[in-house]
Amino acid sequence: MDVLTECNILDESDLTLLHAYALKLEECLTDKAFNKLCFAFPQSPIDSLKNTEKHVQFLSGFQPMCYCCCPSSCVCYTGPYETLKKCPKCNTDCYKADGTTPQAIYEYLPIIPRLRAVLASTSYATKMQYQSKHEADPTKITDIFDGTHYRSLQEMFIMIGAEELPMWCFSDPHDIALGLSADGFGPFKHRTKTAWPIILFNYNLPPEERFLKWNIISIGVVPGPKKPCDFDSFLWPLVQELLQLEIGVSAFNAITKDIFFLRAYLIIIFGDIPAVSMMMCMKGHNAISPCHMCTIKGVHIPSL
């Protein structure tokens, strides 16, 4: 947002370009169809899709963070793996023969600048007051904020490592509740390869809006072709940002027109059994004891 902060005003060509790009995203125009817009409207300053995306990124001031990862998606070279030159799981080199080009890249999309941008929008800042204005009814559960987990967080002091901060979770009406989800899918028809999207949901938005496509916060996609061996290594950049958000980062409130400390907390992680077992470092649904809530054991089929 630095570029827009300095200029504060977009010229007509920038607005036309942004409107065209918004049309592509909202109406799911193909790349080929978008590239034909400049011929359909020769008087408009619409460029090719490649140049348009570069200019939109420049105007937003938002940059993804790229990390080296194993070409088989065993691990991402972050945290304890940051200085390694070979994959600790499959012993594959981190870099190609030239010694500088990564074998594979995991692109992480930071959440702090996006949460700041959301609260700098008057319409979204108004919608996100839902969490602070929600009134719990002890006789029924209508939302995640009626659950015992959320209510217990409201009475819990924030802990960073062994240090207890002099504040408790959701003590400020600006605080944001986030939910994390991940799942694997086969991007190709034969399903011999998989990829794993990682997404966040903003629970401060009203229930009818928080799961809409344009409100989903995409973190990144573990590129595959296999299931990650150490999923935590791909979540490392997100965890670092969540720790920073627990302490608080400065942000602008579009409603009150002032600067405040923005805090956000991850309150729920969900997915299907394979995804949850991967995120929790547990055995999956084919294990002897597949359920993490009870001691019921699976039954082996003799013919298999």
Protein backbone atom coordinates (compact mmCIF):
# COMPACT_ATOMS: atom_id res chain seq x y z
CA MET A 1 0.00 0.00 0.00
CA ASP A 2 3.05 2.29 0.09
CA VAL A 3 2.62 3.51 -3.47
CA LEU A 4 -1.02 4.44 -2.95
CA THR A 5 -0.18 6.15 0.32
CA GLU A 6 2.28 8.45 -1.40
CA CYS A 7 0.06 9.24 -4.40
CA ASN A 8 -3.33 8.83 -2.71
CA ILE A 9 -5.03 9.37 -6.09
CA LEU A 10 -5.19 7.04 -9.09
CA ASP A 11 -5.31 8.50 -12.58
CA GLU A 12 -7.88 7.49 -15.19
CA SER A 13 -5.61 4.96 -16.90
CA ASP A 14 -4.97 3.19 -13.58
CA LEU A 15 -8.69 3.07 -12.79
CA THR A 16 -9.52 1.70 -16.24
CA LEU A 17 -6.89 -0.99 -15.86
CA LEU A 18 -8.15 -1.95 -12.39
CA HIS A 19 -11.77 -2.09 -13.61
CA ALA A 20 -10.76 -4.38 -16.47
CA TYR A 21 -8.77 -6.64 -14.16
CA ALA A 22 -11.63 -6.76 -11.64
CA LEU A 23 -13.94 -7.80 -14.50
CA LYS A 24 -11.63 -10.69 -15.37
CA LEU A 25 -11.54 -11.92 -11.76
CA GLU A 26 -15.24 -11.52 -10.99
CA GLU A 27 -16.52 -12.97 -14.28
CA CYS A 28 -13.74 -15.61 -14.61
CA LEU A 29 -12.62 -14.38 -18.04
CA THR A 30 -10.01 -16.57 -19.70
CA ASP A 31 -6.56 -15.15 -20.34
CA LYS A 32 -7.27 -15.29 -24.08
CA ALA A 33 -10.52 -13.31 -23.69
CA PHE A 34 -8.83 -10.65 -21.54
CA ASN A 35 -6.04 -10.16 -24.06
CA LYS A 36 -8.70 -9.39 -26.70
CA LEU A 37 -10.15 -6.47 -24.70
CA CYS A 38 -7.52 -4.10 -26.07
CA PHE A 39 -8.77 -4.85 -29.60
CA ALA A 40 -12.44 -4.54 -28.64
CA PHE A 41 -11.78 -1.18 -26.92
CA PRO A 42 -8.78 0.32 -28.78
CA GLN A 43 -9.26 3.74 -27.16
CA SER A 44 -8.89 2.34 -23.63
CA PRO A 45 -5.43 1.96 -22.02
CA ILE A 46 -5.90 -1.80 -21.50
CA ASP A 47 -2.63 -3.72 -21.82
CA SER A 48 -1.87 -7.43 -22.05
CA LEU A 49 -2.71 -9.60 -19.05
CA LYS A 50 0.96 -10.05 -18.16
CA ASN A 51 1.63 -6.30 -18.08
CA THR A 52 -1.69 -5.65 -16.33
CA GLU A 53 -0.84 -8.06 -13.50
CA LYS A 54 2.56 -6.43 -13.09
CA HIS A 55 0.98 -2.96 -12.86
CA VAL A 56 -1.72 -4.11 -10.43
CA GLN A 57 0.98 -5.60 -8.20
CA PHE A 58 2.91 -2.32 -8.39
CA LEU A 59 -0.17 -0.29 -7.43
CA SER A 60 -0.99 -2.57 -4.51
CA GLY A 61 2.56 -2.62 -3.16
CA PHE A 62 1.94 -6.25 -2.20
CA GLN A 63 4.70 -8.80 -2.77
CA PRO A 64 4.59 -12.58 -2.19
CA MET A 65 7.44 -14.21 -0.27
CA CYS A 66 9.23 -17.04 -2.08
CA TYR A 67 10.84 -19.95 -0.24
CA CYS A 68 12.81 -22.88 -1.60
CA CYS A 69 11.14 -26.24 -1.12
CA CYS A 70 11.83 -29.86 -1.97
CA PRO A 71 10.75 -30.73 -5.54
CA SER A 72 8.69 -33.56 -4.01
CA SER A 73 7.20 -31.14 -1.43
CA CYS A 74 8.72 -33.08 1.46
CA VAL A 75 9.71 -29.89 3.32
CA CYS A 76 9.97 -26.15 2.84
CA TYR A 77 13.37 -24.68 3.69
CA THR A 78 12.17 -22.48 6.53
CA GLY A 79 12.83 -22.46 10.26
CA PRO A 80 15.03 -25.45 11.25
CA TYR A 81 15.51 -26.36 7.58
CA GLU A 82 16.53 -22.88 6.45
CA THR A 83 20.27 -23.59 6.10
CA LEU A 84 20.00 -27.10 4.66
CA LYS A 85 21.25 -27.84 1.13
CA LYS A 86 19.53 -31.24 0.82
CA CYS A 87 16.06 -32.46 1.71
CA PRO A 88 16.20 -34.24 5.12
CA LYS A 89 13.50 -36.67 3.96
CA CYS A 90 14.51 -37.72 0.42
CA ASN A 91 18.09 -36.33 0.22
CA THR A 92 17.31 -34.33 -2.95
CA ASP A 93 19.44 -31.23 -3.56
CA CYS A 94 17.81 -27.91 -2.72
CA TYR A 95 19.31 -26.18 -5.77
CA LYS A 96 19.86 -27.17 -9.38
CA ALA A 97 23.32 -27.85 -10.86
CA ASP A 98 24.18 -24.12 -11.01
CA GLY A 99 23.94 -23.95 -7.20
CA THR A 100 21.68 -20.87 -7.15
CA THR A 101 18.40 -21.84 -8.85
CA PRO A 102 15.93 -23.58 -6.49
CA GLN A 103 14.54 -26.95 -7.51
CA ALA A 104 11.06 -25.78 -6.48
CA ILE A 105 9.51 -22.67 -4.94
CA TYR A 106 6.71 -22.23 -2.43
CA GLU A 107 5.06 -18.79 -2.68
CA TYR A 108 3.64 -17.48 0.59
CA LEU A 109 1.19 -14.57 0.59
CA PRO A 110 1.60 -12.48 3.80
CA ILE A 111 -1.58 -11.81 5.76
CA ILE A 112 -0.66 -8.68 7.73
CA PRO A 113 -0.79 -6.25 4.77
CA ARG A 114 -4.11 -7.77 3.66
CA LEU A 115 -5.70 -7.48 7.11
CA ARG A 116 -4.52 -3.87 7.25
CA ALA A 117 -6.06 -3.21 3.83
CA VAL A 118 -9.38 -4.76 4.87
CA LEU A 119 -9.66 -2.53 7.95
CA ALA A 120 -8.70 0.51 5.87
CA SER A 121 -11.91 -0.06 3.86
CA THR A 122 -14.96 1.57 5.45
CA SER A 123 -17.40 -1.07 4.19
CA TYR A 124 -15.30 -4.01 5.37
CA ALA A 125 -14.35 -2.38 8.67
CA THR A 126 -18.07 -1.94 9.34
CA LYS A 127 -18.83 -5.58 8.51
CA MET A 128 -16.01 -6.77 10.75
CA GLN A 129 -17.68 -5.24 13.79
CA TYR A 130 -19.89 -8.35 13.82
CA GLN A 131 -17.58 -10.21 16.20
CA SER A 132 -17.44 -7.46 18.84
CA LYS A 133 -21.20 -6.83 18.64
CA HIS A 134 -22.24 -10.48 18.72
CA GLU A 135 -24.27 -11.28 21.84
CA ALA A 136 -24.06 -14.88 22.97
CA ASP A 137 -27.21 -16.71 24.01
CA PRO A 138 -26.39 -19.32 26.70
CA THR A 139 -29.39 -21.44 25.63
CA LYS A 140 -28.21 -22.05 22.04
CA ILE A 141 -25.21 -21.93 19.73
CA THR A 142 -25.61 -19.80 16.63
CA ASP A 143 -21.97 -19.10 15.79
CA ILE A 144 -18.42 -20.02 16.72
CA PHE A 145 -18.43 -17.13 19.20
CA ASP A 146 -21.05 -18.96 21.29
CA GLY A 147 -18.73 -21.92 21.89
CA THR A 148 -16.81 -22.62 25.09
CA HIS A 149 -13.46 -22.43 23.29
CA TYR A 150 -13.95 -18.81 22.25
CA ARG A 151 -15.31 -17.84 25.66
CA SER A 152 -12.30 -19.43 27.36
CA LEU A 153 -9.96 -17.44 25.09
CA GLN A 154 -11.61 -14.23 26.28
CA GLU A 155 -10.37 -15.02 29.79
CA MET A 156 -6.87 -16.12 28.72
CA PHE A 157 -3.81 -13.88 28.81
CA ILE A 158 -1.70 -13.82 25.67
CA MET A 159 1.41 -15.98 25.93
CA ILE A 160 4.46 -15.49 23.71
CA GLY A 161 6.75 -18.38 24.58
CA ALA A 162 7.02 -18.34 28.37
CA GLU A 163 6.18 -14.62 28.61
CA GLU A 164 2.69 -13.54 29.62
CA LEU A 165 1.57 -10.25 28.08
CA PRO A 166 -0.61 -7.86 30.15
CA MET A 167 -3.66 -8.36 27.93
CA TRP A 168 -6.11 -11.12 27.13
CA CYS A 169 -7.45 -12.43 23.84
CA PHE A 170 -10.23 -10.43 22.18
CA SER A 171 -10.07 -7.68 24.79
CA ASP A 172 -10.12 -5.12 21.96
CA PRO A 173 -13.16 -4.87 19.61
CA HIS A 174 -10.73 -4.66 16.66
CA ASP A 175 -9.27 -8.13 17.36
CA ILE A 176 -9.73 -10.59 14.50
CA ALA A 177 -10.63 -14.29 14.79
CA LEU A 178 -9.17 -16.50 12.06
CA GLY A 179 -9.77 -20.09 10.98
CA LEU A 180 -7.29 -22.23 9.03
CA SER A 181 -8.13 -24.93 6.52
CA ALA A 182 -6.08 -27.07 4.15
CA ASP A 183 -6.88 -29.87 1.76
CA GLY A 184 -5.28 -31.79 -1.06
CA PHE A 185 -6.65 -32.02 -4.59
CA GLY A 186 -5.58 -33.47 -7.93
CA PRO A 187 -5.01 -30.57 -10.35
CA PHE A 188 -4.82 -32.94 -13.33
CA LYS A 189 -7.28 -35.45 -14.74
CA HIS A 190 -5.34 -38.61 -13.90
CA ARG A 191 -4.81 -37.52 -10.24
CA THR A 192 -1.27 -38.85 -10.10
CA LYS A 193 -0.14 -35.58 -8.55
CA THR A 194 -1.62 -33.48 -5.76
CA ALA A 195 -1.37 -29.91 -4.51
CA TRP A 196 -2.34 -28.54 -1.09
CA PRO A 197 -4.00 -25.09 -0.82
CA ILE A 198 -3.79 -23.30 2.55
CA ILE A 199 -6.53 -20.77 3.28
CA LEU A 200 -7.73 -18.59 6.16
CA PHE A 201 -11.27 -17.48 6.98
CA ASN A 202 -12.08 -14.15 8.62
CA TYR A 203 -14.61 -14.94 11.36
CA ASN A 204 -15.14 -11.27 12.16
CA LEU A 205 -17.28 -11.07 9.04
CA PRO A 206 -20.97 -12.06 9.33
CA PRO A 207 -21.62 -15.81 8.81
CA GLU A 208 -23.31 -15.23 5.45
CA GLU A 209 -20.19 -13.52 4.07
CA ARG A 210 -17.13 -15.07 5.72
CA PHE A 211 -17.03 -18.13 3.42
CA LEU A 212 -17.65 -16.31 0.14
CA LYS A 213 -14.90 -16.75 -2.44
CA TRP A 214 -13.81 -13.10 -2.45
CA ASN A 215 -13.48 -13.06 1.35
CA ILE A 216 -11.23 -16.12 1.59
CA ILE A 217 -7.62 -15.29 2.50
CA SER A 218 -5.35 -17.49 0.40
CA ILE A 219 -2.00 -18.20 2.06
CA GLY A 220 -0.37 -20.29 -0.64
CA VAL A 221 -0.37 -23.69 -2.32
CA VAL A 222 2.06 -26.48 -1.46
CA PRO A 223 3.01 -27.32 -5.06
CA GLY A 224 3.16 -31.10 -4.83
CA PRO A 225 3.46 -33.53 -6.55
CA LYS A 226 3.13 -35.44 -3.27
CA LYS A 227 1.70 -34.88 0.17
CA PRO A 228 4.12 -32.87 2.37
CA CYS A 229 6.17 -34.87 4.85
CA ASP A 230 6.57 -31.86 7.15
CA PHE A 231 3.55 -29.60 6.72
CA ASP A 232 4.70 -27.40 9.60
CA SER A 233 7.62 -26.16 7.49
CA PHE A 234 5.15 -24.70 4.98
CA LEU A 235 3.16 -23.11 7.81
CA TRP A 236 6.29 -21.56 9.35
CA PRO A 237 5.89 -18.09 7.69
CA LEU A 238 2.22 -17.98 8.75
CA VAL A 239 3.07 -18.89 12.34
CA GLN A 240 5.64 -16.07 12.47
CA GLU A 241 3.02 -13.57 11.32
CA LEU A 242 0.43 -14.92 13.78
CA LEU A 243 2.92 -14.46 16.63
CA GLN A 244 3.49 -10.90 15.47
CA LEU A 245 -0.27 -10.33 15.30
CA GLU A 246 -0.71 -11.59 18.86
CA ILE A 247 1.64 -8.83 20.03
CA GLY A 248 -0.01 -6.31 17.71
CA VAL A 249 0.80 -4.35 14.55
CA SER A 250 -0.17 -0.80 13.68
CA ALA A 251 -3.14 -0.38 11.35
CA PHE A 252 -5.54 2.33 10.18
CA ASN A 253 -9.21 2.22 11.14
CA ALA A 254 -11.36 3.56 8.30
CA ILE A 255 -14.31 4.19 10.65
CA THR A 256 -12.63 6.14 13.45
CA LYS A 257 -9.85 7.51 11.18
CA ASP A 258 -7.11 6.70 13.66
CA ILE A 259 -4.17 4.33 14.11
CA PHE A 260 -4.59 1.36 16.45
CA PHE A 261 -2.85 -1.91 17.32
CA LEU A 262 -4.30 -4.71 15.24
CA ARG A 263 -4.30 -8.19 16.78
CA ALA A 264 -5.50 -11.47 15.28
CA TYR A 265 -5.79 -14.97 16.72
CA LEU A 266 -6.14 -18.38 15.09
CA ILE A 267 -9.06 -19.99 16.94
CA ILE A 268 -9.86 -23.03 14.79
CA ILE A 269 -8.23 -25.45 12.34
CA PHE A 270 -10.40 -27.76 10.28
CA GLY A 271 -10.41 -30.05 7.26
CA ASP A 272 -11.06 -33.66 6.30
CA ILE A 273 -9.35 -36.53 8.16
CA PRO A 274 -6.21 -36.70 5.94
CA ALA A 275 -5.70 -32.92 6.16
CA VAL A 276 -6.31 -32.68 9.92
CA SER A 277 -4.07 -35.67 10.63
CA MET A 278 -1.32 -34.02 8.58
CA MET A 279 -1.69 -30.67 10.36
CA MET A 280 -1.75 -32.34 13.78
CA CYS A 281 1.12 -34.74 12.95
CA MET A 282 -1.11 -37.75 13.59
CA LYS A 283 -1.85 -40.99 11.82
CA GLY A 284 -4.58 -40.87 9.20
CA HIS A 285 -7.85 -42.72 8.70
CA ASN A 286 -6.00 -45.93 7.77
CA ALA A 287 -4.26 -46.13 11.15
CA ILE A 288 -5.03 -48.72 13.84
CA SER A 289 -6.50 -45.95 16.05
CA PRO A 290 -7.67 -43.36 13.47
CA CYS A 291 -9.82 -41.22 15.76
CA HIS A 292 -8.10 -38.54 17.85
CA MET A 293 -11.13 -38.25 20.16
CA CYS A 294 -11.64 -41.87 21.25
CA THR A 295 -9.84 -45.23 21.61
CA ILE A 296 -11.87 -47.21 19.06
CA LYS A 297 -9.53 -49.24 16.87
CA GLY A 298 -9.90 -49.92 13.17
CA VAL A 299 -10.75 -53.42 11.92
CA HIS A 300 -8.40 -55.00 9.39
CA ILE A 301 -10.08 -56.70 6.40
CA PRO A 302 -8.49 -60.16 6.06
CA SER A 303 -8.75 -60.18 2.26
CA LEU A 304 -6.65 -57.02 2.07
